[in-house]
Amino acid sequence: MNERPLGVLIVEDEVLLATELEFLLVEAGCCSVGHAMSSDEAMVLAHDLQPDLALVDVHLCDGPTGVNAARRIHEDCGAVALFMTANVKRLPEDFAGACGVIGKPYSSFVVTTGLEYLRICMREGRAPGPPPIGLTLSPQYLALWGLQDQQMAG
């Protein structure tokens, strides 16, 4: 295949986790376009780099601002956001426009299979089947990708 890999912005204030995510992105056929540690930095990078996907933690170095960052990245920059957080209960009902969440702690398998799945969904505009274990899709994206009959399993 000659398709361009998905460009992914990592919005995570823990440097070791961000570094690990960069390696997992490559394994999943994606590439890292940048790394932000705060919501303001995330917005600047999202505007400048135009990522396809943003992996967003809820709690960043400037506080629990990840929900607002994800919403703004989605609305202002057109990128798909995916929460990567231990604070799943802090997510609003509409997932702030994000496609879903992978809860921490996560395994490399959950991250790579989740990213591979999202890559297919984003390229084809539909899901190849139910989401893999560890990835919970938002109701909006369940409908968008043709899975409105799927139960949201956590």
N, C-alpha and C. Protein backbone atom coordinates (compact mmCIF):
# COMPACT_ATOMS: atom_id res chain seq x y z
N MET A 1 0.83 -1.18 0.00
CA MET A 1 0.00 0.00 0.00
C MET A 1 0.87 1.25 0.00
N ASN A 2 0.43 2.23 -0.73
CA ASN A 2 1.18 3.48 -0.80
C ASN A 2 0.49 4.62 -0.07
N GLU A 3 -0.40 4.29 0.87
CA GLU A 3 -1.09 5.37 1.56
C GLU A 3 -0.20 6.00 2.62
N ARG A 4 -0.40 7.30 2.79
CA ARG A 4 0.36 8.04 3.79
C ARG A 4 -0.07 7.59 5.17
N PRO A 5 0.89 7.38 6.08
CA PRO A 5 0.49 7.00 7.45
C PRO A 5 -0.24 8.15 8.14
N LEU A 6 -1.12 7.80 9.06
CA LEU A 6 -1.81 8.84 9.82
C LEU A 6 -0.82 9.63 10.63
N GLY A 7 -0.92 10.95 10.57
CA GLY A 7 -0.10 11.82 11.40
C GLY A 7 -0.78 12.01 12.75
N VAL A 8 -0.06 11.71 13.83
CA VAL A 8 -0.66 11.71 15.16
C VAL A 8 0.06 12.71 16.07
N LEU A 9 -0.73 13.56 16.71
CA LEU A 9 -0.23 14.48 17.73
C LEU A 9 -0.45 13.83 19.09
N ILE A 10 0.59 13.76 19.89
CA ILE A 10 0.49 13.20 21.24
C ILE A 10 0.35 14.36 22.22
N VAL A 11 -0.73 14.34 22.99
CA VAL A 11 -0.98 15.37 24.00
C VAL A 11 -0.93 14.67 25.36
N GLU A 12 0.25 14.66 25.93
CA GLU A 12 0.53 13.88 27.15
C GLU A 12 1.65 14.57 27.91
N ASP A 13 1.43 14.81 29.22
CA ASP A 13 2.45 15.53 29.99
C ASP A 13 3.48 14.61 30.65
N GLU A 14 3.29 13.31 30.59
CA GLU A 14 4.29 12.38 31.12
C GLU A 14 5.19 11.96 29.96
N VAL A 15 6.43 12.43 29.99
CA VAL A 15 7.35 12.26 28.86
C VAL A 15 7.59 10.79 28.54
N LEU A 16 7.74 9.94 29.55
CA LEU A 16 7.98 8.51 29.28
C LEU A 16 6.80 7.87 28.57
N LEU A 17 5.58 8.22 28.96
CA LEU A 17 4.40 7.69 28.27
C LEU A 17 4.33 8.19 26.84
N ALA A 18 4.64 9.46 26.64
CA ALA A 18 4.63 10.02 25.29
C ALA A 18 5.66 9.33 24.40
N THR A 19 6.83 9.06 24.96
CA THR A 19 7.89 8.38 24.20
C THR A 19 7.45 6.96 23.83
N GLU A 20 6.82 6.27 24.79
CA GLU A 20 6.33 4.92 24.51
C GLU A 20 5.25 4.97 23.42
N LEU A 21 4.37 5.96 23.50
CA LEU A 21 3.32 6.08 22.49
C LEU A 21 3.91 6.30 21.09
N GLU A 22 5.00 7.06 21.00
CA GLU A 22 5.64 7.27 19.70
C GLU A 22 6.07 5.95 19.07
N PHE A 23 6.64 5.06 19.88
CA PHE A 23 7.04 3.74 19.37
C PHE A 23 5.83 2.92 18.95
N LEU A 24 4.76 2.98 19.75
CA LEU A 24 3.55 2.21 19.44
C LEU A 24 2.86 2.73 18.18
N LEU A 25 2.95 4.04 17.95
CA LEU A 25 2.38 4.61 16.73
C LEU A 25 3.01 3.99 15.49
N VAL A 26 4.33 3.87 15.51
CA VAL A 26 5.05 3.29 14.37
C VAL A 26 4.61 1.83 14.17
N GLU A 27 4.50 1.09 15.27
CA GLU A 27 4.05 -0.31 15.17
C GLU A 27 2.66 -0.41 14.55
N ALA A 28 1.82 0.59 14.79
CA ALA A 28 0.45 0.57 14.28
C ALA A 28 0.33 1.20 12.89
N GLY A 29 1.46 1.57 12.27
CA GLY A 29 1.42 2.13 10.93
C GLY A 29 1.11 3.61 10.89
N CYS A 30 1.32 4.30 11.98
CA CYS A 30 1.10 5.75 12.07
C CYS A 30 2.44 6.45 12.27
N CYS A 31 2.43 7.78 12.30
CA CYS A 31 3.67 8.49 12.62
C CYS A 31 3.35 9.67 13.53
N SER A 32 4.27 9.95 14.43
CA SER A 32 4.12 11.06 15.35
C SER A 32 4.50 12.35 14.63
N VAL A 33 3.62 13.36 14.74
CA VAL A 33 3.93 14.66 14.14
C VAL A 33 4.35 15.67 15.20
N GLY A 34 4.13 15.33 16.48
CA GLY A 34 4.51 16.26 17.54
C GLY A 34 4.03 15.79 18.89
N HIS A 35 4.50 16.50 19.92
CA HIS A 35 4.16 16.16 21.30
C HIS A 35 3.91 17.44 22.08
N ALA A 36 2.74 17.53 22.71
CA ALA A 36 2.37 18.68 23.53
C ALA A 36 2.16 18.23 24.97
N MET A 37 2.53 19.11 25.91
CA MET A 37 2.37 18.77 27.33
C MET A 37 1.27 19.60 28.00
N SER A 38 0.74 20.62 27.30
CA SER A 38 -0.33 21.45 27.85
C SER A 38 -1.39 21.66 26.76
N SER A 39 -2.55 22.14 27.18
CA SER A 39 -3.61 22.36 26.19
C SER A 39 -3.26 23.48 25.23
N ASP A 40 -2.63 24.55 25.72
CA ASP A 40 -2.24 25.65 24.82
C ASP A 40 -1.23 25.18 23.78
N GLU A 41 -0.24 24.42 24.23
CA GLU A 41 0.76 23.88 23.31
C GLU A 41 0.10 22.94 22.31
N ALA A 42 -0.87 22.16 22.77
CA ALA A 42 -1.58 21.24 21.88
C ALA A 42 -2.30 21.99 20.78
N MET A 43 -2.93 23.11 21.12
CA MET A 43 -3.66 23.89 20.12
C MET A 43 -2.72 24.50 19.09
N VAL A 44 -1.59 25.03 19.55
CA VAL A 44 -0.61 25.61 18.62
C VAL A 44 -0.12 24.53 17.65
N LEU A 45 0.26 23.38 18.21
CA LEU A 45 0.79 22.30 17.35
C LEU A 45 -0.29 21.76 16.42
N ALA A 46 -1.52 21.63 16.91
CA ALA A 46 -2.60 21.11 16.06
C ALA A 46 -2.87 22.06 14.89
N HIS A 47 -2.86 23.36 15.15
CA HIS A 47 -3.04 24.33 14.06
C HIS A 47 -1.88 24.28 13.07
N ASP A 48 -0.65 24.21 13.59
CA ASP A 48 0.54 24.24 12.73
C ASP A 48 0.76 22.94 11.97
N LEU A 49 0.52 21.80 12.62
CA LEU A 49 0.90 20.51 12.06
C LEU A 49 -0.25 19.77 11.38
N GLN A 50 -1.50 20.19 11.64
CA GLN A 50 -2.68 19.57 11.04
C GLN A 50 -2.65 18.03 11.14
N PRO A 51 -2.62 17.48 12.35
CA PRO A 51 -2.60 16.02 12.49
C PRO A 51 -3.93 15.40 12.04
N ASP A 52 -3.88 14.12 11.71
CA ASP A 52 -5.11 13.37 11.40
C ASP A 52 -5.79 12.97 12.70
N LEU A 53 -4.96 12.63 13.70
CA LEU A 53 -5.44 12.08 14.97
C LEU A 53 -4.66 12.72 16.10
N ALA A 54 -5.33 12.98 17.22
CA ALA A 54 -4.65 13.48 18.42
C ALA A 54 -4.97 12.54 19.57
N LEU A 55 -3.92 12.04 20.23
CA LEU A 55 -4.08 11.21 21.43
C LEU A 55 -3.99 12.15 22.62
N VAL A 56 -5.08 12.28 23.37
CA VAL A 56 -5.18 13.33 24.38
C VAL A 56 -5.43 12.77 25.78
N ASP A 57 -4.56 13.13 26.72
CA ASP A 57 -4.79 12.81 28.12
C ASP A 57 -5.69 13.89 28.71
N VAL A 58 -6.49 13.54 29.71
CA VAL A 58 -7.37 14.52 30.34
C VAL A 58 -6.59 15.47 31.23
N HIS A 59 -5.67 14.91 32.02
CA HIS A 59 -4.93 15.75 32.96
C HIS A 59 -3.56 16.06 32.38
N LEU A 60 -3.33 17.35 32.07
CA LEU A 60 -2.07 17.79 31.47
C LEU A 60 -1.31 18.66 32.47
N CYS A 61 -0.14 19.14 32.10
CA CYS A 61 0.67 19.91 33.02
C CYS A 61 0.00 21.22 33.45
N ASP A 62 -1.00 21.68 32.69
CA ASP A 62 -1.73 22.88 33.09
C ASP A 62 -3.08 22.56 33.73
N GLY A 63 -3.24 21.32 34.20
CA GLY A 63 -4.46 20.91 34.90
C GLY A 63 -5.32 19.99 34.06
N PRO A 64 -6.56 19.76 34.50
CA PRO A 64 -7.46 18.86 33.78
C PRO A 64 -8.07 19.55 32.55
N THR A 65 -7.22 19.91 31.62
CA THR A 65 -7.63 20.71 30.46
C THR A 65 -7.74 19.90 29.17
N GLY A 66 -7.48 18.61 29.24
CA GLY A 66 -7.48 17.78 28.04
C GLY A 66 -8.83 17.69 27.34
N VAL A 67 -9.92 17.73 28.11
CA VAL A 67 -11.25 17.65 27.49
C VAL A 67 -11.46 18.87 26.58
N ASN A 68 -11.13 20.06 27.09
CA ASN A 68 -11.27 21.26 26.26
C ASN A 68 -10.33 21.23 25.06
N ALA A 69 -9.11 20.75 25.28
CA ALA A 69 -8.15 20.66 24.17
C ALA A 69 -8.67 19.72 23.09
N ALA A 70 -9.19 18.57 23.48
CA ALA A 70 -9.71 17.61 22.50
C ALA A 70 -10.85 18.22 21.70
N ARG A 71 -11.76 18.91 22.40
CA ARG A 71 -12.90 19.53 21.71
C ARG A 71 -12.41 20.57 20.70
N ARG A 72 -11.46 21.41 21.11
CA ARG A 72 -10.95 22.46 20.23
C ARG A 72 -10.14 21.88 19.06
N ILE A 73 -9.36 20.84 19.31
CA ILE A 73 -8.60 20.20 18.23
C ILE A 73 -9.56 19.63 17.19
N HIS A 74 -10.63 19.02 17.67
CA HIS A 74 -11.62 18.44 16.76
C HIS A 74 -12.36 19.54 15.99
N GLU A 75 -12.87 20.54 16.73
CA GLU A 75 -13.70 21.58 16.10
C GLU A 75 -12.88 22.57 15.27
N ASP A 76 -11.74 23.00 15.77
CA ASP A 76 -10.96 24.05 15.10
C ASP A 76 -10.00 23.51 14.05
N CYS A 77 -9.50 22.30 14.24
CA CYS A 77 -8.46 21.78 13.35
C CYS A 77 -8.93 20.60 12.51
N GLY A 78 -10.10 20.05 12.82
CA GLY A 78 -10.63 18.94 12.04
C GLY A 78 -9.98 17.60 12.30
N ALA A 79 -9.14 17.52 13.31
CA ALA A 79 -8.49 16.24 13.63
C ALA A 79 -9.44 15.39 14.47
N VAL A 80 -9.29 14.09 14.36
CA VAL A 80 -10.00 13.16 15.22
C VAL A 80 -9.22 13.07 16.52
N ALA A 81 -9.91 13.19 17.65
CA ALA A 81 -9.25 13.07 18.95
C ALA A 81 -9.61 11.72 19.57
N LEU A 82 -8.66 11.15 20.29
CA LEU A 82 -8.87 9.92 21.06
C LEU A 82 -8.30 10.17 22.44
N PHE A 83 -9.13 9.99 23.46
CA PHE A 83 -8.63 10.14 24.82
C PHE A 83 -7.81 8.93 25.23
N MET A 84 -6.70 9.19 25.90
CA MET A 84 -5.84 8.16 26.48
C MET A 84 -5.69 8.59 27.94
N THR A 85 -6.53 8.06 28.82
CA THR A 85 -6.60 8.65 30.16
C THR A 85 -7.00 7.65 31.23
N ALA A 86 -6.56 7.92 32.44
CA ALA A 86 -7.02 7.18 33.61
C ALA A 86 -8.28 7.85 34.17
N ASN A 87 -8.64 9.01 33.63
CA ASN A 87 -9.78 9.79 34.11
C ASN A 87 -11.00 9.63 33.21
N VAL A 88 -11.36 8.39 32.88
CA VAL A 88 -12.47 8.12 31.96
C VAL A 88 -13.76 8.75 32.48
N LYS A 89 -13.96 8.75 33.79
CA LYS A 89 -15.21 9.29 34.36
C LYS A 89 -15.31 10.81 34.19
N ARG A 90 -14.21 11.47 33.87
CA ARG A 90 -14.25 12.94 33.65
C ARG A 90 -14.72 13.30 32.24
N LEU A 91 -14.87 12.31 31.38
CA LEU A 91 -15.27 12.60 30.00
C LEU A 91 -16.75 12.96 29.94
N PRO A 92 -17.10 14.01 29.20
CA PRO A 92 -18.52 14.35 29.05
C PRO A 92 -19.23 13.30 28.20
N GLU A 93 -20.55 13.30 28.28
CA GLU A 93 -21.36 12.32 27.56
C GLU A 93 -21.07 12.32 26.07
N ASP A 94 -20.78 13.50 25.51
CA ASP A 94 -20.51 13.59 24.07
C ASP A 94 -19.04 13.36 23.74
N PHE A 95 -18.25 12.95 24.73
CA PHE A 95 -16.82 12.67 24.55
C PHE A 95 -16.07 13.89 24.02
N ALA A 96 -16.63 15.09 24.17
CA ALA A 96 -16.01 16.34 23.70
C ALA A 96 -15.67 16.26 22.20
N GLY A 97 -16.47 15.50 21.46
CA GLY A 97 -16.23 15.36 20.03
C GLY A 97 -15.20 14.31 19.67
N ALA A 98 -14.57 13.70 20.67
CA ALA A 98 -13.55 12.67 20.41
C ALA A 98 -14.20 11.38 19.92
N CYS A 99 -13.42 10.56 19.24
CA CYS A 99 -13.95 9.31 18.71
C CYS A 99 -14.10 8.25 19.78
N GLY A 100 -13.37 8.40 20.89
CA GLY A 100 -13.47 7.40 21.94
C GLY A 100 -12.38 7.55 22.97
N VAL A 101 -12.13 6.44 23.68
CA VAL A 101 -11.16 6.46 24.77
C VAL A 101 -10.49 5.09 24.92
N ILE A 102 -9.22 5.15 25.25
CA ILE A 102 -8.48 3.99 25.73
C ILE A 102 -8.07 4.35 27.15
N GLY A 103 -8.53 3.57 28.11
CA GLY A 103 -8.26 3.88 29.51
C GLY A 103 -6.88 3.43 29.94
N LYS A 104 -6.27 4.25 30.82
CA LYS A 104 -5.00 3.88 31.43
C LYS A 104 -5.30 3.11 32.71
N PRO A 105 -4.48 2.20 33.10
CA PRO A 105 -3.28 1.77 32.39
C PRO A 105 -3.66 0.92 31.19
N TYR A 106 -2.90 1.05 30.12
CA TYR A 106 -3.17 0.28 28.92
C TYR A 106 -1.94 -0.54 28.57
N SER A 107 -2.15 -1.56 27.76
CA SER A 107 -1.03 -2.38 27.29
C SER A 107 -0.65 -1.94 25.89
N SER A 108 0.55 -2.29 25.47
CA SER A 108 0.96 -1.96 24.10
C SER A 108 0.04 -2.63 23.10
N PHE A 109 -0.44 -3.82 23.40
CA PHE A 109 -1.35 -4.52 22.49
C PHE A 109 -2.64 -3.73 22.31
N VAL A 110 -3.22 -3.23 23.41
CA VAL A 110 -4.47 -2.46 23.33
C VAL A 110 -4.24 -1.20 22.49
N VAL A 111 -3.13 -0.52 22.70
CA VAL A 111 -2.85 0.72 21.95
C VAL A 111 -2.64 0.42 20.47
N THR A 112 -1.81 -0.56 20.14
CA THR A 112 -1.54 -0.82 18.72
C THR A 112 -2.78 -1.35 17.99
N THR A 113 -3.53 -2.25 18.62
CA THR A 113 -4.74 -2.75 17.94
C THR A 113 -5.79 -1.65 17.82
N GLY A 114 -5.89 -0.79 18.84
CA GLY A 114 -6.83 0.33 18.79
C GLY A 114 -6.46 1.31 17.69
N LEU A 115 -5.18 1.63 17.57
CA LEU A 115 -4.73 2.56 16.52
C LEU A 115 -4.89 1.96 15.13
N GLU A 116 -4.58 0.68 14.98
CA GLU A 116 -4.77 0.03 13.67
C GLU A 116 -6.24 0.06 13.27
N TYR A 117 -7.12 -0.19 14.24
CA TYR A 117 -8.56 -0.16 13.99
C TYR A 117 -9.00 1.24 13.58
N LEU A 118 -8.56 2.26 14.32
CA LEU A 118 -8.93 3.64 13.99
C LEU A 118 -8.39 4.07 12.64
N ARG A 119 -7.20 3.61 12.31
CA ARG A 119 -6.62 3.93 11.00
C ARG A 119 -7.52 3.42 9.88
N ILE A 120 -8.02 2.21 10.02
CA ILE A 120 -8.94 1.64 9.02
C ILE A 120 -10.24 2.44 8.98
N CYS A 121 -10.81 2.71 10.16
CA CYS A 121 -12.07 3.48 10.22
C CYS A 121 -11.92 4.84 9.56
N MET A 122 -10.81 5.52 9.83
CA MET A 122 -10.61 6.86 9.28
C MET A 122 -10.36 6.82 7.78
N ARG A 123 -9.64 5.82 7.30
CA ARG A 123 -9.35 5.71 5.86
C ARG A 123 -10.59 5.32 5.06
N GLU A 124 -11.39 4.37 5.61
CA GLU A 124 -12.52 3.82 4.86
C GLU A 124 -13.84 4.49 5.18
N GLY A 125 -13.88 5.28 6.27
CA GLY A 125 -15.13 5.93 6.65
C GLY A 125 -16.13 4.99 7.29
N ARG A 126 -15.70 3.81 7.61
CA ARG A 126 -16.57 2.83 8.28
C ARG A 126 -15.69 1.86 9.07
N ALA A 127 -16.31 1.20 10.02
CA ALA A 127 -15.56 0.27 10.87
C ALA A 127 -15.48 -1.10 10.21
N PRO A 128 -14.34 -1.80 10.40
CA PRO A 128 -14.20 -3.14 9.85
C PRO A 128 -14.90 -4.19 10.71
N GLY A 129 -15.48 -3.76 11.81
CA GLY A 129 -16.15 -4.66 12.76
C GLY A 129 -16.20 -3.96 14.09
N PRO A 130 -16.58 -4.68 15.14
CA PRO A 130 -16.64 -4.04 16.46
C PRO A 130 -15.26 -3.58 16.92
N PRO A 131 -15.20 -2.57 17.77
CA PRO A 131 -13.90 -2.08 18.25
C PRO A 131 -13.17 -3.17 19.04
N PRO A 132 -11.85 -3.15 18.99
CA PRO A 132 -11.07 -4.13 19.75
C PRO A 132 -11.19 -3.87 21.26
N ILE A 133 -10.88 -4.88 22.03
CA ILE A 133 -10.90 -4.76 23.49
C ILE A 133 -9.99 -3.62 23.92
N GLY A 134 -10.50 -2.79 24.83
CA GLY A 134 -9.71 -1.68 25.35
C GLY A 134 -10.05 -0.35 24.71
N LEU A 135 -10.71 -0.37 23.56
CA LEU A 135 -11.11 0.86 22.87
C LEU A 135 -12.62 1.01 22.97
N THR A 136 -13.08 2.09 23.56
CA THR A 136 -14.50 2.40 23.64
C THR A 136 -14.76 3.58 22.70
N LEU A 137 -15.64 3.37 21.73
CA LEU A 137 -15.99 4.44 20.80
C LEU A 137 -17.12 5.28 21.36
N SER A 138 -17.12 6.57 21.02
CA SER A 138 -18.19 7.47 21.43
C SER A 138 -19.44 7.13 20.63
N PRO A 139 -20.63 7.48 21.15
CA PRO A 139 -21.86 7.22 20.40
C PRO A 139 -21.85 7.86 19.01
N GLN A 140 -21.29 9.07 18.90
CA GLN A 140 -21.23 9.77 17.60
C GLN A 140 -20.44 8.97 16.58
N TYR A 141 -19.30 8.41 16.99
CA TYR A 141 -18.47 7.67 16.05
C TYR A 141 -18.98 6.26 15.82
N LEU A 142 -19.69 5.68 16.79
CA LEU A 142 -20.35 4.39 16.54
C LEU A 142 -21.31 4.56 15.37
N ALA A 143 -22.08 5.65 15.37
CA ALA A 143 -23.03 5.92 14.29
C ALA A 143 -22.30 6.28 13.00
N LEU A 144 -21.30 7.16 13.10
CA LEU A 144 -20.55 7.61 11.92
C LEU A 144 -19.91 6.45 11.16
N TRP A 145 -19.38 5.50 11.90
CA TRP A 145 -18.67 4.38 11.28
C TRP A 145 -19.53 3.12 11.14
N GLY A 146 -20.87 3.30 11.24
CA GLY A 146 -21.78 2.21 10.94
C GLY A 146 -21.92 1.16 12.02
N LEU A 147 -21.70 1.54 13.26
CA LEU A 147 -21.79 0.58 14.36
C LEU A 147 -22.87 0.98 15.36
N GLN A 148 -23.86 1.75 14.92
CA GLN A 148 -24.84 2.27 15.87
C GLN A 148 -25.56 1.16 16.65
N ASP A 149 -25.56 -0.06 16.15
CA ASP A 149 -26.20 -1.16 16.86
C ASP A 149 -25.27 -1.84 17.85
N GLN A 150 -24.01 -1.42 17.86
CA GLN A 150 -23.03 -2.02 18.77
C GLN A 150 -23.22 -1.50 20.18
N GLN A 151 -23.08 -2.36 21.14
CA GLN A 151 -23.10 -1.93 22.55
C GLN A 151 -21.75 -1.31 22.84
N MET A 152 -21.74 -0.24 23.64
CA MET A 152 -20.46 0.34 24.08
C MET A 152 -19.96 -0.51 25.24
N ALA A 153 -18.90 -1.25 24.98
CA ALA A 153 -18.32 -2.09 26.02
C ALA A 153 -17.06 -1.41 26.53
N GLY A 154 -16.85 -1.41 27.80
CA GLY A 154 -15.67 -0.76 28.36
C GLY A 154 -14.68 -1.71 28.68
